[in-house]
Amino acid sequence: MDIIYLHDLKIECVIGIWDWERKIKQRVIIDLDMGFDIRRAAQTDAIDDTLNYKAVAKRLQQFVGDSQFQLVETMAERVAEILLAEFKLAWVRVRINKRGAVRGAGDVGVMIERGKDS
């Protein structure tokens, strides 16, 4: 399976369990590895035959930006569900980084894989 990736997508959203977190927007950073067969697109050189990563980014910016999840785990699961259903992926790896959530740690978050055989 081929992989189309979109990394370092920064989105401001409400995320967290603490009262103060529910009142502000915080940045999450999303990395996606998406299983998609690109052979047809390679033959036709047509955007309609591949996964349009700009469309993926716009969809997630809207969805995540409007979300108000408490847990990064829930956000990751919903992102995976959207990508699998709306973009017809074979599988997806979603990594969401909530940088700064733990004092002293550079990165903190969750990574999940969903789709075939996951």
C-alpha atoms as a PDB file:
ATOM      1  CA  MET A   1       0.000   0.000   0.000  1.00  0.00           C
ATOM      2  CA  ASP A   2       1.222   3.455  -0.865  1.00  0.00           C
ATOM      3  CA  ILE A   3       1.369   6.198   1.736  1.00  0.00           C
ATOM      4  CA  ILE A   4       0.379   9.791   1.271  1.00  0.00           C
ATOM      5  CA  TYR A   5       1.409  11.829   4.263  1.00  0.00           C
ATOM      6  CA  LEU A   6       0.492  15.170   5.756  1.00  0.00           C
ATOM      7  CA  HIS A   7       2.629  16.177   8.714  1.00  0.00           C
ATOM      8  CA  ASP A   8       2.842  19.148  11.058  1.00  0.00           C
ATOM      9  CA  LEU A   9      -0.733  20.365  10.499  1.00  0.00           C
ATOM     10  CA  LYS A  10      -1.280  22.944  13.243  1.00  0.00           C
ATOM     11  CA  ILE A  11      -4.843  23.622  14.390  1.00  0.00           C
ATOM     12  CA  GLU A  12      -6.169  25.754  17.241  1.00  0.00           C
ATOM     13  CA  CYS A  13      -9.003  24.141  19.207  1.00  0.00           C
ATOM     14  CA  VAL A  14     -10.554  23.628  22.618  1.00  0.00           C
ATOM     15  CA  ILE A  15      -8.975  20.504  24.089  1.00  0.00           C
ATOM     16  CA  GLY A  16      -8.481  19.372  27.665  1.00  0.00           C
ATOM     17  CA  ILE A  17     -10.070  18.250  30.895  1.00  0.00           C
ATOM     18  CA  TRP A  18      -9.297  21.225  33.138  1.00  0.00           C
ATOM     19  CA  ASP A  19     -11.684  24.151  33.530  1.00  0.00           C
ATOM     20  CA  TRP A  20      -9.086  26.635  32.290  1.00  0.00           C
ATOM     21  CA  GLU A  21      -8.542  24.525  29.144  1.00  0.00           C
ATOM     22  CA  ARG A  22     -12.245  24.668  28.325  1.00  0.00           C
ATOM     23  CA  LYS A  23     -12.024  28.491  28.105  1.00  0.00           C
ATOM     24  CA  ILE A  24      -9.129  28.851  25.666  1.00  0.00           C
ATOM     25  CA  LYS A  25      -7.912  27.540  22.350  1.00  0.00           C
ATOM     26  CA  GLN A  26      -4.758  25.446  22.310  1.00  0.00           C
ATOM     27  CA  ARG A  27      -2.682  24.262  19.396  1.00  0.00           C
ATOM     28  CA  VAL A  28      -2.556  20.611  18.410  1.00  0.00           C
ATOM     29  CA  ILE A  29      -0.172  19.313  15.771  1.00  0.00           C
ATOM     30  CA  ILE A  30      -1.428  16.487  13.578  1.00  0.00           C
ATOM     31  CA  ASP A  31       0.643  14.047  11.524  1.00  0.00           C
ATOM     32  CA  LEU A  32      -1.146  11.730   9.113  1.00  0.00           C
ATOM     33  CA  ASP A  33       0.105   8.713   7.171  1.00  0.00           C
ATOM     34  CA  MET A  34      -2.673   7.589   4.848  1.00  0.00           C
ATOM     35  CA  GLY A  35      -2.819   4.309   2.958  1.00  0.00           C
ATOM     36  CA  PHE A  36      -3.999   4.963  -0.596  1.00  0.00           C
ATOM     37  CA  ASP A  37      -3.266   3.239  -3.902  1.00  0.00           C
ATOM     38  CA  ILE A  38      -1.687   5.909  -6.114  1.00  0.00           C
ATOM     39  CA  ARG A  39      -1.064   3.772  -9.226  1.00  0.00           C
ATOM     40  CA  ARG A  40      -4.016   5.163 -11.184  1.00  0.00           C
ATOM     41  CA  ALA A  41      -3.034   8.747 -10.368  1.00  0.00           C
ATOM     42  CA  ALA A  42       0.538   8.019 -11.438  1.00  0.00           C
ATOM     43  CA  GLN A  43      -0.776   6.808 -14.811  1.00  0.00           C
ATOM     44  CA  THR A  44      -3.293   9.602 -15.435  1.00  0.00           C
ATOM     45  CA  ASP A  45      -1.479  12.473 -13.680  1.00  0.00           C
ATOM     46  CA  ALA A  46      -4.929  13.638 -12.555  1.00  0.00           C
ATOM     47  CA  ILE A  47      -5.791  14.990  -9.100  1.00  0.00           C
ATOM     48  CA  ASP A  48      -9.186  13.265  -9.244  1.00  0.00           C
ATOM     49  CA  ASP A  49      -7.424   9.891  -9.195  1.00  0.00           C
ATOM     50  CA  THR A  50      -5.523  10.445  -5.975  1.00  0.00           C
ATOM     51  CA  LEU A  51      -6.026  11.574  -2.406  1.00  0.00           C
ATOM     52  CA  ASN A  52      -6.240  15.349  -2.337  1.00  0.00           C
ATOM     53  CA  TYR A  53      -4.242  16.222   0.770  1.00  0.00           C
ATOM     54  CA  LYS A  54      -5.349  19.860   0.567  1.00  0.00           C
ATOM     55  CA  ALA A  55      -8.959  18.668   0.900  1.00  0.00           C
ATOM     56  CA  VAL A  56      -7.911  16.480   3.854  1.00  0.00           C
ATOM     57  CA  ALA A  57      -6.233  19.447   5.552  1.00  0.00           C
ATOM     58  CA  LYS A  58      -9.231  21.732   5.028  1.00  0.00           C
ATOM     59  CA  ARG A  59     -11.646  19.107   6.373  1.00  0.00           C
ATOM     60  CA  LEU A  60      -9.582  18.564   9.503  1.00  0.00           C
ATOM     61  CA  GLN A  61      -8.999  22.274  10.073  1.00  0.00           C
ATOM     62  CA  GLN A  62     -12.773  22.732  10.090  1.00  0.00           C
ATOM     63  CA  PHE A  63     -13.552  19.666  12.186  1.00  0.00           C
ATOM     64  CA  VAL A  64     -10.790  19.952  14.774  1.00  0.00           C
ATOM     65  CA  GLY A  65     -11.052  23.741  14.922  1.00  0.00           C
ATOM     66  CA  ASP A  66     -14.741  23.483  15.812  1.00  0.00           C
ATOM     67  CA  SER A  67     -14.292  20.560  18.227  1.00  0.00           C
ATOM     68  CA  GLN A  68     -14.276  20.671  22.009  1.00  0.00           C
ATOM     69  CA  PHE A  69     -12.932  17.281  23.043  1.00  0.00           C
ATOM     70  CA  GLN A  70     -11.624  16.601  26.497  1.00  0.00           C
ATOM     71  CA  LEU A  71      -9.197  13.874  25.412  1.00  0.00           C
ATOM     72  CA  VAL A  72      -6.670  13.793  22.593  1.00  0.00           C
ATOM     73  CA  GLU A  73      -7.544  10.084  22.310  1.00  0.00           C
ATOM     74  CA  THR A  74     -11.124  10.937  21.361  1.00  0.00           C
ATOM     75  CA  MET A  75      -9.967  13.513  18.847  1.00  0.00           C
ATOM     76  CA  ALA A  76      -7.620  11.000  17.206  1.00  0.00           C
ATOM     77  CA  GLU A  77     -10.372   8.394  16.939  1.00  0.00           C
ATOM     78  CA  ARG A  78     -12.815  10.851  15.333  1.00  0.00           C
ATOM     79  CA  VAL A  79     -10.171  12.107  12.902  1.00  0.00           C
ATOM     80  CA  ALA A  80      -9.443   8.525  11.838  1.00  0.00           C
ATOM     81  CA  GLU A  81     -13.156   7.805  11.375  1.00  0.00           C
ATOM     82  CA  ILE A  82     -13.604  10.881   9.152  1.00  0.00           C
ATOM     83  CA  LEU A  83     -10.591  10.075   7.012  1.00  0.00           C
ATOM     84  CA  LEU A  84     -11.521   6.430   6.512  1.00  0.00           C
ATOM     85  CA  ALA A  85     -15.146   7.194   5.661  1.00  0.00           C
ATOM     86  CA  GLU A  86     -14.901  10.391   3.653  1.00  0.00           C
ATOM     87  CA  PHE A  87     -11.613   9.864   1.830  1.00  0.00           C
ATOM     88  CA  LYS A  88     -11.857   6.099   1.270  1.00  0.00           C
ATOM     89  CA  LEU A  89      -8.502   5.252   2.793  1.00  0.00           C
ATOM     90  CA  ALA A  90      -7.335   1.680   3.241  1.00  0.00           C
ATOM     91  CA  TRP A  91      -5.800   2.660   6.586  1.00  0.00           C
ATOM     92  CA  VAL A  92      -4.588   5.693   8.460  1.00  0.00           C
ATOM     93  CA  ARG A  93      -2.056   6.503  11.167  1.00  0.00           C
ATOM     94  CA  VAL A  94      -3.048   9.595  13.164  1.00  0.00           C
ATOM     95  CA  ARG A  95      -0.575  11.260  15.519  1.00  0.00           C
ATOM     96  CA  ILE A  96      -1.811  14.192  17.589  1.00  0.00           C
ATOM     97  CA  ASN A  97       0.688  16.191  19.573  1.00  0.00           C
ATOM     98  CA  LYS A  98      -0.475  18.466  22.370  1.00  0.00           C
ATOM     99  CA  ARG A  99       2.877  20.170  22.868  1.00  0.00           C
ATOM    100  CA  GLY A 100       3.299  21.731  26.283  1.00  0.00           C
ATOM    101  CA  ALA A 101       0.730  19.549  28.046  1.00  0.00           C
ATOM    102  CA  VAL A 102       3.380  18.109  30.372  1.00  0.00           C
ATOM    103  CA  ARG A 103       5.933  20.413  31.944  1.00  0.00           C
ATOM    104  CA  GLY A 104       9.421  19.451  30.859  1.00  0.00           C
ATOM    105  CA  ALA A 105       8.308  17.352  27.882  1.00  0.00           C
ATOM    106  CA  GLY A 106       8.775  18.626  24.348  1.00  0.00           C
ATOM    107  CA  ASP A 107       6.037  16.501  22.816  1.00  0.00           C
ATOM    108  CA  VAL A 108       3.105  14.607  24.267  1.00  0.00           C
ATOM    109  CA  GLY A 109       0.147  13.019  22.560  1.00  0.00           C
ATOM    110  CA  VAL A 110      -1.275   9.902  21.024  1.00  0.00           C
ATOM    111  CA  MET A 111      -0.793   7.856  17.861  1.00  0.00           C
ATOM    112  CA  ILE A 112      -3.374   5.409  16.526  1.00  0.00           C
ATOM    113  CA  GLU A 113      -3.710   3.242  13.417  1.00  0.00           C
ATOM    114  CA  ARG A 114      -7.071   2.316  11.975  1.00  0.00           C
ATOM    115  CA  GLY A 115      -8.278   0.512   8.887  1.00  0.00           C
ATOM    116  CA  LYS A 116      -7.419  -2.834   7.408  1.00  0.00           C
ATOM    117  CA  ASP A 117      -5.762  -5.158   9.928  1.00  0.00           C
ATOM    118  CA  SER A 118      -5.781  -2.601  12.745  1.00  0.00           C
END
